Amino acid sequence: MKFADKYVKLIEWSDKDQCYIGSCPELFYGGCHGNNPREVFNELCEIVGEMIEIYQQEGKQLPLPLSGKEYVNVLQKIA
């Protein structure tokens, strides 16, 4: 498993924008958008990987991933 896989990736439909919005709450919001949810997810995964590289290049500490946390598991059961 790649480290980027540990970060939560959300794809949501936006009525306002009439497209899917991809975000990673730990790293950024509204990172990408498009009409196809699979394409948005693929682009989001690339952006998450790039963000991790930027953090590492700049010597910044990465935010802790939310996946695996109990409240995320509870939210997944609700959805």
PDB file of N, CA and C in Angstrom:
ATOM      1  N   MET A   1       0.838  -1.181   0.000  1.00  0.00           N
ATOM      2  CA  MET A   1       0.000   0.000   0.000  1.00  0.00           C
ATOM      3  C   MET A   1       0.883   1.244   0.000  1.00  0.00           C
ATOM      4  N   LYS A   2       0.535   2.180  -0.890  1.00  0.00           N
ATOM      5  CA  LYS A   2       1.246   3.453  -0.924  1.00  0.00           C
ATOM      6  C   LYS A   2       0.755   4.336   0.220  1.00  0.00           C
ATOM      7  N   PHE A   3       1.637   5.202   0.711  1.00  0.00           N
ATOM      8  CA  PHE A   3       1.265   6.091   1.810  1.00  0.00           C
ATOM      9  C   PHE A   3       0.059   6.946   1.427  1.00  0.00           C
ATOM     10  N   ALA A   4      -0.018   7.364   0.169  1.00  0.00           N
ATOM     11  CA  ALA A   4      -1.138   8.202  -0.293  1.00  0.00           C
ATOM     12  C   ALA A   4      -2.474   7.484  -0.153  1.00  0.00           C
ATOM     13  N   ASP A   5      -2.456   6.152  -0.169  1.00  0.00           N
ATOM     14  CA  ASP A   5      -3.697   5.376  -0.044  1.00  0.00           C
ATOM     15  C   ASP A   5      -4.338   5.529   1.330  1.00  0.00           C
ATOM     16  N   LYS A   6      -3.590   6.001   2.300  1.00  0.00           N
ATOM     17  CA  LYS A   6      -4.113   6.147   3.661  1.00  0.00           C
ATOM     18  C   LYS A   6      -4.966   7.406   3.836  1.00  0.00           C
ATOM     19  N   TYR A   7      -4.895   8.313   2.863  1.00  0.00           N
ATOM     20  CA  TYR A   7      -5.655   9.559   2.966  1.00  0.00           C
ATOM     21  C   TYR A   7      -7.066   9.392   2.401  1.00  0.00           C
ATOM     22  N   VAL A   8      -8.036   9.986   3.077  1.00  0.00           N
ATOM     23  CA  VAL A   8      -9.432   9.929   2.648  1.00  0.00           C
ATOM     24  C   VAL A   8      -9.597  10.762   1.379  1.00  0.00           C
ATOM     25  N   LYS A   9     -10.269  10.179   0.409  1.00  0.00           N
ATOM     26  CA  LYS A   9     -10.544  10.876  -0.844  1.00  0.00           C
ATOM     27  C   LYS A   9     -12.054  10.915  -1.035  1.00  0.00           C
ATOM     28  N   LEU A  10     -12.596  12.116  -1.146  1.00  0.00           N
ATOM     29  CA  LEU A  10     -14.040  12.292  -1.280  1.00  0.00           C
ATOM     30  C   LEU A  10     -14.392  12.780  -2.680  1.00  0.00           C
ATOM     31  N   ILE A  11     -15.411  12.150  -3.254  1.00  0.00           N
ATOM     32  CA  ILE A  11     -15.965  12.593  -4.522  1.00  0.00           C
ATOM     33  C   ILE A  11     -17.433  12.904  -4.247  1.00  0.00           C
ATOM     34  N   GLU A  12     -17.825  14.151  -4.451  1.00  0.00           N
ATOM     35  CA  GLU A  12     -19.196  14.575  -4.156  1.00  0.00           C
ATOM     36  C   GLU A  12     -19.780  15.312  -5.357  1.00  0.00           C
ATOM     37  N   TRP A  13     -21.084  15.119  -5.566  1.00  0.00           N
ATOM     38  CA  TRP A  13     -21.774  15.877  -6.599  1.00  0.00           C
ATOM     39  C   TRP A  13     -22.092  17.266  -6.059  1.00  0.00           C
ATOM     40  N   SER A  14     -21.840  18.285  -6.845  1.00  0.00           N
ATOM     41  CA  SER A  14     -22.154  19.662  -6.473  1.00  0.00           C
ATOM     42  C   SER A  14     -23.314  20.153  -7.330  1.00  0.00           C
ATOM     43  N   ASP A  15     -24.466  20.394  -6.688  1.00  0.00           N
ATOM     44  CA  ASP A  15     -25.601  20.960  -7.419  1.00  0.00           C
ATOM     45  C   ASP A  15     -25.267  22.359  -7.934  1.00  0.00           C
ATOM     46  N   LYS A  16     -24.527  23.096  -7.137  1.00  0.00           N
ATOM     47  CA  LYS A  16     -24.163  24.463  -7.511  1.00  0.00           C
ATOM     48  C   LYS A  16     -23.302  24.478  -8.777  1.00  0.00           C
ATOM     49  N   ASP A  17     -22.288  23.606  -8.810  1.00  0.00           N
ATOM     50  CA  ASP A  17     -21.347  23.578  -9.934  1.00  0.00           C
ATOM     51  C   ASP A  17     -21.759  22.610 -11.042  1.00  0.00           C
ATOM     52  N   GLN A  18     -22.747  21.743 -10.746  1.00  0.00           N
ATOM     53  CA  GLN A  18     -23.210  20.737 -11.704  1.00  0.00           C
ATOM     54  C   GLN A  18     -22.078  19.826 -12.191  1.00  0.00           C
ATOM     55  N   CYS A  19     -21.250  19.398 -11.229  1.00  0.00           N
ATOM     56  CA  CYS A  19     -20.178  18.458 -11.543  1.00  0.00           C
ATOM     57  C   CYS A  19     -19.736  17.776 -10.253  1.00  0.00           C
ATOM     58  N   TYR A  20     -18.876  16.780 -10.404  1.00  0.00           N
ATOM     59  CA  TYR A  20     -18.306  16.098  -9.245  1.00  0.00           C
ATOM     60  C   TYR A  20     -17.086  16.877  -8.771  1.00  0.00           C
ATOM     61  N   ILE A  21     -16.952  16.991  -7.455  1.00  0.00           N
ATOM     62  CA  ILE A  21     -15.827  17.688  -6.840  1.00  0.00           C
ATOM     63  C   ILE A  21     -15.028  16.664  -6.037  1.00  0.00           C
ATOM     64  N   GLY A  22     -13.729  16.637  -6.249  1.00  0.00           N
ATOM     65  CA  GLY A  22     -12.859  15.734  -5.503  1.00  0.00           C
ATOM     66  C   GLY A  22     -12.045  16.506  -4.487  1.00  0.00           C
ATOM     67  N   SER A  23     -11.950  15.952  -3.276  1.00  0.00           N
ATOM     68  CA  SER A  23     -11.156  16.613  -2.234  1.00  0.00           C
ATOM     69  C   SER A  23     -10.521  15.581  -1.318  1.00  0.00           C
ATOM     70  N   CYS A  24      -9.520  16.026  -0.612  1.00  0.00           N
ATOM     71  CA  CYS A  24      -8.828  15.222   0.390  1.00  0.00           C
ATOM     72  C   CYS A  24      -8.761  16.094   1.644  1.00  0.00           C
ATOM     73  N   PRO A  25      -9.698  15.893   2.591  1.00  0.00           N
ATOM     74  CA  PRO A  25      -9.831  16.802   3.736  1.00  0.00           C
ATOM     75  C   PRO A  25      -8.542  17.046   4.521  1.00  0.00           C
ATOM     76  N   GLU A  26      -7.688  16.052   4.581  1.00  0.00           N
ATOM     77  CA  GLU A  26      -6.455  16.225   5.352  1.00  0.00           C
ATOM     78  C   GLU A  26      -5.470  17.160   4.654  1.00  0.00           C
ATOM     79  N   LEU A  27      -5.510  17.204   3.321  1.00  0.00           N
ATOM     80  CA  LEU A  27      -4.513  17.959   2.572  1.00  0.00           C
ATOM     81  C   LEU A  27      -5.067  19.207   1.885  1.00  0.00           C
ATOM     82  N   PHE A  28      -6.312  19.145   1.370  1.00  0.00           N
ATOM     83  CA  PHE A  28      -6.897  20.280   0.647  1.00  0.00           C
ATOM     84  C   PHE A  28      -8.375  20.016   0.395  1.00  0.00           C
ATOM     85  N   TYR A  29      -9.112  21.049   0.037  1.00  0.00           N
ATOM     86  CA  TYR A  29     -10.527  20.945  -0.334  1.00  0.00           C
ATOM     87  C   TYR A  29     -10.690  21.378  -1.786  1.00  0.00           C
ATOM     88  N   GLY A  30     -11.634  20.755  -2.473  1.00  0.00           N
ATOM     89  CA  GLY A  30     -11.938  21.159  -3.845  1.00  0.00           C
ATOM     90  C   GLY A  30     -10.763  21.061  -4.789  1.00  0.00           C
ATOM     91  N   GLY A  31     -10.064  19.956  -4.759  1.00  0.00           N
ATOM     92  CA  GLY A  31      -8.847  19.813  -5.545  1.00  0.00           C
ATOM     93  C   GLY A  31      -9.050  19.615  -7.032  1.00  0.00           C
ATOM     94  N   CYS A  32     -10.170  19.006  -7.425  1.00  0.00           N
ATOM     95  CA  CYS A  32     -10.415  18.773  -8.840  1.00  0.00           C
ATOM     96  C   CYS A  32     -11.915  18.604  -9.068  1.00  0.00           C
ATOM     97  N   HIS A  33     -12.309  18.662 -10.320  1.00  0.00           N
ATOM     98  CA  HIS A  33     -13.732  18.520 -10.640  1.00  0.00           C
ATOM     99  C   HIS A  33     -13.893  17.964 -12.047  1.00  0.00           C
ATOM    100  N   GLY A  34     -15.082  17.432 -12.324  1.00  0.00           N
ATOM    101  CA  GLY A  34     -15.366  16.902 -13.649  1.00  0.00           C
ATOM    102  C   GLY A  34     -16.732  16.247 -13.691  1.00  0.00           C
ATOM    103  N   ASN A  35     -17.093  15.739 -14.857  1.00  0.00           N
ATOM    104  CA  ASN A  35     -18.408  15.132 -15.049  1.00  0.00           C
ATOM    105  C   ASN A  35     -18.431  13.630 -14.809  1.00  0.00           C
ATOM    106  N   ASN A  36     -17.267  13.009 -14.752  1.00  0.00           N
ATOM    107  CA  ASN A  36     -17.180  11.564 -14.563  1.00  0.00           C
ATOM    108  C   ASN A  36     -16.538  11.280 -13.205  1.00  0.00           C
ATOM    109  N   PRO A  37     -17.258  10.633 -12.280  1.00  0.00           N
ATOM    110  CA  PRO A  37     -16.705  10.427 -10.934  1.00  0.00           C
ATOM    111  C   PRO A  37     -15.433   9.583 -10.915  1.00  0.00           C
ATOM    112  N   ARG A  38     -15.317   8.622 -11.813  1.00  0.00           N
ATOM    113  CA  ARG A  38     -14.096   7.796 -11.851  1.00  0.00           C
ATOM    114  C   ARG A  38     -12.893   8.620 -12.298  1.00  0.00           C
ATOM    115  N   GLU A  39     -13.101   9.473 -13.290  1.00  0.00           N
ATOM    116  CA  GLU A  39     -12.011  10.330 -13.752  1.00  0.00           C
ATOM    117  C   GLU A  39     -11.608  11.328 -12.675  1.00  0.00           C
ATOM    118  N   VAL A  40     -12.586  11.864 -11.964  1.00  0.00           N
ATOM    119  CA  VAL A  40     -12.292  12.795 -10.868  1.00  0.00           C
ATOM    120  C   VAL A  40     -11.494  12.073  -9.787  1.00  0.00           C
ATOM    121  N   PHE A  41     -11.881  10.834  -9.467  1.00  0.00           N
ATOM    122  CA  PHE A  41     -11.148  10.069  -8.454  1.00  0.00           C
ATOM    123  C   PHE A  41      -9.709   9.824  -8.896  1.00  0.00           C
ATOM    124  N   ASN A  42      -9.513   9.431 -10.152  1.00  0.00           N
ATOM    125  CA  ASN A  42      -8.155   9.185 -10.644  1.00  0.00           C
ATOM    126  C   ASN A  42      -7.305  10.447 -10.572  1.00  0.00           C
ATOM    127  N   GLU A  43      -7.880  11.575 -10.970  1.00  0.00           N
ATOM    128  CA  GLU A  43      -7.155  12.846 -10.896  1.00  0.00           C
ATOM    129  C   GLU A  43      -6.854  13.207  -9.442  1.00  0.00           C
ATOM    130  N   LEU A  44      -7.818  12.966  -8.565  1.00  0.00           N
ATOM    131  CA  LEU A  44      -7.636  13.255  -7.147  1.00  0.00           C
ATOM    132  C   LEU A  44      -6.483  12.437  -6.574  1.00  0.00           C
ATOM    133  N   CYS A  45      -6.398  11.167  -6.938  1.00  0.00           N
ATOM    134  CA  CYS A  45      -5.303  10.319  -6.454  1.00  0.00           C
ATOM    135  C   CYS A  45      -3.949  10.870  -6.894  1.00  0.00           C
ATOM    136  N   GLU A  46      -3.870  11.357  -8.129  1.00  0.00           N
ATOM    137  CA  GLU A  46      -2.628  11.958  -8.618  1.00  0.00           C
ATOM    138  C   GLU A  46      -2.281  13.209  -7.816  1.00  0.00           C
ATOM    139  N   ILE A  47      -3.275  14.042  -7.549  1.00  0.00           N
ATOM    140  CA  ILE A  47      -3.046  15.283  -6.804  1.00  0.00           C
ATOM    141  C   ILE A  47      -2.584  14.977  -5.382  1.00  0.00           C
ATOM    142  N   VAL A  48      -3.189  13.983  -4.742  1.00  0.00           N
ATOM    143  CA  VAL A  48      -2.782  13.605  -3.383  1.00  0.00           C
ATOM    144  C   VAL A  48      -1.314  13.191  -3.390  1.00  0.00           C
ATOM    145  N   GLY A  49      -0.921  12.370  -4.359  1.00  0.00           N
ATOM    146  CA  GLY A  49       0.483  11.962  -4.463  1.00  0.00           C
ATOM    147  C   GLY A  49       1.407  13.149  -4.653  1.00  0.00           C
ATOM    148  N   GLU A  50       1.000  14.094  -5.497  1.00  0.00           N
ATOM    149  CA  GLU A  50       1.802  15.295  -5.732  1.00  0.00           C
ATOM    150  C   GLU A  50       1.904  16.149  -4.471  1.00  0.00           C
ATOM    151  N   MET A  51       0.801  16.269  -3.734  1.00  0.00           N
ATOM    152  CA  MET A  51       0.820  17.057  -2.495  1.00  0.00           C
ATOM    153  C   MET A  51       1.773  16.441  -1.474  1.00  0.00           C
ATOM    154  N   ILE A  52       1.769  15.128  -1.374  1.00  0.00           N
ATOM    155  CA  ILE A  52       2.678  14.448  -0.445  1.00  0.00           C
ATOM    156  C   ILE A  52       4.121  14.732  -0.840  1.00  0.00           C
ATOM    157  N   GLU A  53       4.419  14.675  -2.140  1.00  0.00           N
ATOM    158  CA  GLU A  53       5.769  14.986  -2.615  1.00  0.00           C
ATOM    159  C   GLU A  53       6.159  16.419  -2.259  1.00  0.00           C
ATOM    160  N   ILE A  54       5.239  17.363  -2.422  1.00  0.00           N
ATOM    161  CA  ILE A  54       5.521  18.769  -2.102  1.00  0.00           C
ATOM    162  C   ILE A  54       5.820  18.927  -0.614  1.00  0.00           C
ATOM    163  N   TYR A  55       4.995  18.310   0.230  1.00  0.00           N
ATOM    164  CA  TYR A  55       5.244  18.360   1.674  1.00  0.00           C
ATOM    165  C   TYR A  55       6.644  17.843   1.982  1.00  0.00           C
ATOM    166  N   GLN A  56       7.001  16.712   1.393  1.00  0.00           N
ATOM    167  CA  GLN A  56       8.298  16.099   1.664  1.00  0.00           C
ATOM    168  C   GLN A  56       9.441  16.961   1.142  1.00  0.00           C
ATOM    169  N   GLN A  57       9.307  17.520  -0.058  1.00  0.00           N
ATOM    170  CA  GLN A  57      10.349  18.370  -0.632  1.00  0.00           C
ATOM    171  C   GLN A  57      10.579  19.623   0.199  1.00  0.00           C
ATOM    172  N   GLU A  58       9.501  20.143   0.785  1.00  0.00           N
ATOM    173  CA  GLU A  58       9.611  21.361   1.586  1.00  0.00           C
ATOM    174  C   GLU A  58       9.941  21.067   3.043  1.00  0.00           C
ATOM    175  N   GLY A  59      10.086  19.788   3.372  1.00  0.00           N
ATOM    176  CA  GLY A  59      10.429  19.406   4.740  1.00  0.00           C
ATOM    177  C   GLY A  59       9.309  19.618   5.739  1.00  0.00           C
ATOM    178  N   LYS A  60       8.082  19.695   5.247  1.00  0.00           N
ATOM    179  CA  LYS A  60       6.929  19.897   6.132  1.00  0.00           C
ATOM    180  C   LYS A  60       6.403  18.553   6.620  1.00  0.00           C
ATOM    181  N   GLN A  61       5.867  18.567   7.832  1.00  0.00           N
ATOM    182  CA  GLN A  61       5.260  17.362   8.380  1.00  0.00           C
ATOM    183  C   GLN A  61       3.885  17.166   7.748  1.00  0.00           C
ATOM    184  N   LEU A  62       3.634  15.954   7.269  1.00  0.00           N
ATOM    185  CA  LEU A  62       2.337  15.645   6.665  1.00  0.00           C
ATOM    186  C   LEU A  62       1.261  15.535   7.731  1.00  0.00           C
ATOM    187  N   PRO A  63       0.052  16.001   7.422  1.00  0.00           N
ATOM    188  CA  PRO A  63      -1.065  15.791   8.349  1.00  0.00           C
ATOM    189  C   PRO A  63      -1.323  14.292   8.496  1.00  0.00           C
ATOM    190  N   LEU A  64      -1.793  13.887   9.655  1.00  0.00           N
ATOM    191  CA  LEU A  64      -2.103  12.478   9.862  1.00  0.00           C
ATOM    192  C   LEU A  64      -3.301  12.079   9.009  1.00  0.00           C
ATOM    193  N   PRO A  65      -3.232  10.910   8.375  1.00  0.00           N
ATOM    194  CA  PRO A  65      -4.382  10.433   7.590  1.00  0.00           C
ATOM    195  C   PRO A  65      -5.590  10.173   8.481  1.00  0.00           C
ATOM    196  N   LEU A  66      -6.782  10.434   7.950  1.00  0.00           N
ATOM    197  CA  LEU A  66      -8.015  10.180   8.694  1.00  0.00           C
ATOM    198  C   LEU A  66      -8.469   8.732   8.578  1.00  0.00           C
ATOM    199  N   SER A  67      -8.068   8.036   7.503  1.00  0.00           N
ATOM    200  CA  SER A  67      -8.538   6.662   7.328  1.00  0.00           C
ATOM    201  C   SER A  67      -8.061   5.792   8.483  1.00  0.00           C
ATOM    202  N   GLY A  68      -8.927   4.858   8.848  1.00  0.00           N
ATOM    203  CA  GLY A  68      -8.610   3.976   9.961  1.00  0.00           C
ATOM    204  C   GLY A  68      -9.049   4.521  11.301  1.00  0.00           C
ATOM    205  N   LYS A  69      -9.459   5.779  11.327  1.00  0.00           N
ATOM    206  CA  LYS A  69      -9.948   6.380  12.568  1.00  0.00           C
ATOM    207  C   LYS A  69     -11.397   5.966  12.768  1.00  0.00           C
ATOM    208  N   GLU A  70     -11.811   5.772  13.993  1.00  0.00           N
ATOM    209  CA  GLU A  70     -13.145   5.248  14.270  1.00  0.00           C
ATOM    210  C   GLU A  70     -14.255   6.147  13.726  1.00  0.00           C
ATOM    211  N   TYR A  71     -14.107   7.476  13.822  1.00  0.00           N
ATOM    212  CA  TYR A  71     -15.180   8.345  13.350  1.00  0.00           C
ATOM    213  C   TYR A  71     -15.344   8.259  11.837  1.00  0.00           C
ATOM    214  N   VAL A  72     -14.275   7.993  11.105  1.00  0.00           N
ATOM    215  CA  VAL A  72     -14.395   7.808   9.664  1.00  0.00           C
ATOM    216  C   VAL A  72     -15.154   6.523   9.376  1.00  0.00           C
ATOM    217  N   ASN A  73     -14.875   5.470  10.134  1.00  0.00           N
ATOM    218  CA  ASN A  73     -15.593   4.209   9.952  1.00  0.00           C
ATOM    219  C   ASN A  73     -17.076   4.383  10.233  1.00  0.00           C
ATOM    220  N   VAL A  74     -17.425   5.170  11.242  1.00  0.00           N
ATOM    221  CA  VAL A  74     -18.827   5.427  11.566  1.00  0.00           C
ATOM    222  C   VAL A  74     -19.491   6.196  10.423  1.00  0.00           C
ATOM    223  N   LEU A  75     -18.818   7.198   9.886  1.00  0.00           N
ATOM    224  CA  LEU A  75     -19.376   7.973   8.779  1.00  0.00           C
ATOM    225  C   LEU A  75     -19.598   7.103   7.544  1.00  0.00           C
ATOM    226  N   GLN A  76     -18.697   6.161   7.298  1.00  0.00           N
ATOM    227  CA  GLN A  76     -18.861   5.284   6.142  1.00  0.00           C
ATOM    228  C   GLN A  76     -20.097   4.408   6.300  1.00  0.00           C
ATOM    229  N   LYS A  77     -20.414   4.003   7.509  1.00  0.00           N
ATOM    230  CA  LYS A  77     -21.596   3.175   7.748  1.00  0.00           C
ATOM    231  C   LYS A  77     -22.874   3.977   7.530  1.00  0.00           C
ATOM    232  N   ILE A  78     -22.824   5.280   7.826  1.00  0.00           N
ATOM    233  CA  ILE A  78     -23.993   6.143   7.653  1.00  0.00           C
ATOM    234  C   ILE A  78     -24.266   6.364   6.166  1.00  0.00           C
ATOM    235  N   ALA A  79     -23.194   6.571   5.417  1.00  0.00           N
ATOM    236  CA  ALA A  79     -23.332   6.852   3.977  1.00  0.00           C
ATOM    237  C   ALA A  79     -23.806   5.630   3.290  1.00  0.00           C
TER     238      ALA A  79
END
